[in-house]
Protein backbone atom coordinates (compact mmCIF):
# COMPACT_ATOMS: atom_id res chain seq x y z
CA MET A 1 33.45 18.24 -0.65
CA PRO A 2 29.87 17.15 -1.95
CA ILE A 3 29.32 14.40 1.04
CA TYR A 4 25.33 14.78 0.31
CA LEU A 5 25.68 13.81 -3.44
CA TYR A 6 28.08 10.95 -2.35
CA LEU A 7 25.25 9.53 0.47
CA ILE A 8 22.78 9.97 -2.73
CA LEU A 9 24.60 7.59 -5.22
CA PHE A 10 25.39 5.35 -2.39
CA SER A 11 21.85 5.01 -1.13
CA THR A 12 21.39 4.21 -5.22
CA PHE A 13 23.87 1.76 -5.79
CA PHE A 14 22.58 -1.06 -4.09
CA PRO A 15 18.83 -0.73 -5.08
CA LEU A 16 19.51 -0.12 -8.77
CA VAL A 17 22.26 -2.98 -9.22
CA LEU A 18 19.48 -5.52 -7.41
CA SER A 19 16.45 -4.41 -9.49
CA PHE A 20 17.61 -6.62 -11.99
CA ASP A 21 18.05 -9.74 -9.91
CA SER A 22 16.31 -12.77 -11.08
CA ARG A 23 14.03 -13.25 -8.20
CA VAL A 24 12.63 -9.94 -7.61
CA LYS A 25 12.73 -8.34 -10.82
CA PHE A 26 11.99 -5.18 -9.33
CA VAL A 27 12.96 -3.42 -12.43
CA ARG A 28 9.63 -4.48 -14.02
CA TYR A 29 7.74 -2.08 -12.08
CA TRP A 30 9.90 0.92 -12.89
CA PRO A 31 7.38 2.21 -14.90
CA ALA A 32 4.94 2.26 -11.90
CA PHE A 33 6.89 3.61 -9.11
CA PHE A 34 8.26 6.59 -11.59
CA MET A 35 4.80 7.47 -12.04
CA ALA A 36 3.94 7.21 -7.98
CA MET A 37 7.17 8.80 -7.08
CA LEU A 38 6.09 12.16 -9.44
CA PRO A 39 3.32 13.41 -7.66
CA VAL A 40 4.97 12.69 -4.35
CA ALA A 41 8.31 14.61 -5.08
CA VAL A 42 6.31 17.63 -6.56
CA PHE A 43 4.34 17.45 -3.10
CA PHE A 44 7.47 17.54 -0.94
CA LEU A 45 9.45 19.92 -2.98
CA VAL A 46 7.32 22.86 -2.65
CA TRP A 47 6.94 21.78 0.89
CA ASP A 48 10.60 21.93 1.36
CA TYR A 49 10.62 25.39 -0.70
CA PHE A 50 8.71 26.78 1.62
CA TYR A 51 10.29 25.63 4.87
CA THR A 52 13.36 26.29 3.49
CA ALA A 53 12.74 29.99 2.84
CA TRP A 54 10.78 30.11 6.28
CA GLY A 55 13.92 28.65 8.20
CA VAL A 56 12.67 25.46 9.51
CA TRP A 57 15.80 23.70 8.01
CA GLY A 58 18.69 24.52 5.61
CA PHE A 59 21.49 23.20 3.90
CA ASN A 60 25.16 23.39 4.66
CA GLU A 61 26.92 25.03 1.52
CA GLU A 62 30.68 23.01 2.57
CA TYR A 63 29.12 19.69 1.95
CA LEU A 64 27.19 20.80 -1.37
CA LEU A 65 27.85 20.62 -5.22
CA GLY A 66 26.71 23.68 -5.51
CA ILE A 67 24.14 23.25 -7.96
CA HIS A 68 20.23 24.64 -6.96
CA LEU A 69 17.15 24.72 -8.19
CA ALA A 70 14.99 28.22 -6.43
CA ASN A 71 16.52 27.48 -3.12
CA LEU A 72 17.41 23.60 -3.03
CA PRO A 73 20.25 21.75 -3.56
CA LEU A 74 20.22 19.40 -6.42
CA GLU A 75 20.85 16.51 -3.74
CA GLU A 76 17.77 17.70 -1.80
CA VAL A 77 16.02 17.11 -5.74
CA LEU A 78 17.09 13.60 -6.10
CA PHE A 79 16.51 13.15 -2.46
CA PHE A 80 12.78 12.77 -3.23
CA VAL A 81 13.80 10.06 -6.52
CA VAL A 82 16.03 8.35 -4.55
CA VAL A 83 15.37 7.58 -1.04
CA PRO A 84 11.40 6.49 -2.25
CA PHE A 85 13.63 3.91 -5.21
CA ALA A 86 15.20 2.29 -2.05
CA CYS A 87 12.35 2.07 0.11
CA VAL A 88 9.62 1.22 -2.42
CA PHE A 89 12.71 -1.80 -3.55
CA ILE A 90 13.32 -2.67 -0.04
CA TYR A 91 9.15 -3.25 0.14
CA GLU A 92 9.02 -5.39 -2.91
CA CYS A 93 11.99 -7.48 -1.79
CA LEU A 94 10.43 -8.00 1.93
CA ARG A 95 6.90 -9.25 0.12
CA TYR A 96 8.81 -11.66 -1.99
CA TYR A 97 11.37 -13.27 0.62
CA ILE A 98 8.52 -13.63 3.05
CA PRO A 99 5.30 -14.70 1.87
CA LYS A 100 2.95 -14.16 5.45
CA ASP A 101 2.28 -10.85 6.26
CA TYR A 102 3.51 -11.05 9.97
CA LEU A 103 2.45 -7.54 10.81
CA LYS A 104 -1.43 -7.73 9.48
CA PRO A 105 -2.69 -8.40 12.60
CA ALA A 106 -1.01 -5.52 14.67
CA SER A 107 -1.24 -2.93 12.08
CA PRO A 108 -4.51 -1.34 12.79
CA TYR A 109 -3.00 -1.25 16.47
CA LEU A 110 -0.21 0.35 15.20
CA SER A 111 -2.16 3.11 12.56
CA ALA A 112 -4.60 4.13 15.62
CA THR A 113 -1.91 4.71 17.89
CA LEU A 114 -0.35 7.09 15.71
CA ALA A 115 -3.77 8.63 14.96
CA LEU A 116 -4.31 9.25 18.32
CA VAL A 117 -1.02 10.34 19.60
CA LEU A 118 0.47 12.50 17.04
CA PRO A 119 -2.51 14.68 16.54
CA VAL A 120 -2.35 15.21 20.46
CA ILE A 121 1.81 15.97 20.48
CA ALA A 122 1.08 18.50 17.27
CA LEU A 123 -2.02 20.24 19.41
CA PHE A 124 0.57 20.76 22.54
CA ASN A 125 2.94 22.16 20.21
CA ILE A 126 1.38 23.93 17.28
CA SER A 127 3.71 26.87 16.65
CA ALA A 128 6.87 23.87 15.96
CA LEU A 129 5.85 24.04 12.31
CA TYR A 130 7.99 20.63 11.54
CA THR A 131 6.39 18.88 14.36
CA SER A 132 2.70 19.83 14.25
CA VAL A 133 2.33 19.49 10.21
CA THR A 134 4.11 16.10 9.65
CA PHE A 135 2.23 14.48 12.80
CA CYS A 136 -0.80 15.70 11.67
CA LEU A 137 -0.40 14.51 8.03
CA VAL A 138 0.80 10.89 8.88
CA ALA A 139 -2.19 10.99 11.35
CA VAL A 140 -4.61 11.46 8.33
CA LEU A 141 -3.06 9.52 5.90
CA VAL A 142 -2.31 6.48 8.25
CA VAL A 143 -6.00 6.76 9.23
CA LEU A 144 -7.57 7.07 5.46
CA ALA A 145 -5.31 3.92 4.24
CA GLN A 146 -6.14 1.84 7.27
CA PHE A 147 -9.81 2.66 8.38
CA VAL A 148 -11.20 4.61 5.30
CA PHE A 149 -9.96 2.82 2.06
CA LYS A 150 -8.48 -0.34 4.16
CA VAL A 151 -5.89 -1.01 2.01
CA LYS A 152 -4.51 -4.58 1.93
CA TRP A 153 -0.56 -3.92 2.59
CA MET A 154 -0.52 -1.96 5.71
CA GLY A 155 1.20 -4.89 7.29
CA TRP A 156 3.75 -5.00 4.76
CA PHE A 157 4.22 -1.22 4.76
CA TYR A 158 4.83 -1.09 8.59
CA LEU A 159 7.68 -4.08 7.94
CA ALA A 160 9.28 -2.19 4.90
CA TYR A 161 9.03 1.27 7.28
CA PHE A 162 10.97 -1.06 10.14
CA VAL A 163 13.71 -2.38 7.68
CA SER A 164 14.18 1.16 6.17
CA LEU A 165 14.54 2.96 9.39
CA VAL A 166 18.57 1.32 9.45
CA PRO A 167 19.45 2.82 6.42
CA PHE A 168 17.87 6.28 7.51
CA LEU A 169 19.75 6.30 10.43
CA VAL A 170 22.64 6.08 9.02
CA VAL A 171 22.64 7.80 6.23
CA ASN A 172 20.07 10.38 7.77
CA GLY A 173 22.87 10.46 10.62
CA ILE A 174 25.79 11.52 8.76
CA LEU A 175 23.60 14.67 7.31
CA THR A 176 22.70 15.77 10.33
CA TYR A 177 25.81 15.17 12.46
CA LEU A 178 28.12 17.00 9.81
CA PRO A 179 24.97 18.50 9.81
CA VAL A 180 24.52 18.87 5.81
CA VAL A 181 21.49 19.74 6.87
CA TRP A 182 20.39 21.82 9.68
CA TYR A 183 17.28 21.90 11.42
CA ASN A 184 15.63 25.25 13.57
CA ASP A 185 14.83 24.12 16.88
CA ALA A 186 12.35 26.23 17.35
CA HIS A 187 10.39 24.36 14.63
CA ASN A 188 10.67 21.24 16.23
CA LEU A 189 10.71 19.14 19.59
CA GLY A 190 13.96 19.58 20.30
CA ILE A 191 14.54 15.32 20.63
CA ARG A 192 17.05 14.02 18.75
CA ILE A 193 18.27 10.47 18.00
CA ILE A 194 21.85 11.22 18.30
CA SER A 195 21.76 13.99 16.04
CA ILE A 196 18.58 13.17 14.05
CA PRO A 197 15.22 15.08 14.86
CA ILE A 198 12.34 12.89 16.30
CA GLU A 199 10.38 14.25 13.45
CA ASP A 200 12.62 13.06 10.87
CA THR A 201 10.97 9.15 11.32
CA MET A 202 7.79 10.69 10.66
CA TYR A 203 8.23 12.01 8.16
CA SER A 204 10.16 9.30 6.56
CA LEU A 205 7.31 7.38 7.28
CA LEU A 206 4.85 9.60 5.36
CA LEU A 207 7.63 9.76 2.33
CA LEU A 208 7.19 5.66 2.03
CA LEU A 209 3.54 5.64 2.59
CA MET A 210 2.41 8.14 -0.24
CA ASN A 211 4.97 6.80 -2.29
CA VAL A 212 3.65 2.87 -1.75
CA TRP A 213 -0.06 3.89 -1.47
CA LEU A 214 0.56 5.34 -4.73
CA TYR A 215 2.60 2.49 -6.51
CA GLU A 216 0.32 -0.05 -5.30
CA GLY A 217 -2.48 1.30 -7.19
CA ILE A 218 -0.49 1.98 -10.34
CA LYS A 219 0.91 -1.36 -10.01
CA ASN A 220 -2.49 -3.13 -9.40
CA SER A 221 -4.10 -1.20 -12.04
CA LYS A 222 -1.23 -2.03 -14.83
CA VAL A 223 -2.02 -5.86 -13.61
CA GLU A 224 -5.94 -5.96 -14.17
CA SER A 225 -5.98 -4.51 -17.61
């Protein structure tokens, strides 16, 4: 049974339908989203390809459609389109329905905490590829966004990230509990939220931050032009 495909379709349905809502009108930002999503998806798919080849994680064929691109199931490729689409949709909805950026004052502290704590954990777990690489990439990206480029939307980003953790825990919980996706604990901390490796929360943050950063840049450049 292709459960992974069903989860992808389920994750797509509501953001897709509600994109045409007369208030948020996320459909008007689709071109900006897809332009932003493409390079990010390529980055993560290359990462995914090598980590699958190296046995950092893998997929249970019992729950897949059976169509593969290189060593990755089709559902995994769609994941890097559907999940960013749903998360950026959440981001836009929050910006519309909650006009005040409540997390703006806290965002430098959140970013500083990630930038200080994650590299230390990575250093002490350097042989755990999933942990060390993910945590270092998140630390670098939040420093660049928050303190170097000083983007104006980090509070909104963190709010969207925290809200997106709810569907993330549901969908990823199913994927890792069955498991549709399995993880080699030699390459992670071995700490799980029920069945979800703790690293997945930072992987999700990295995926969303890269998409939002490019999306905001493209969207704003189109507005200015």
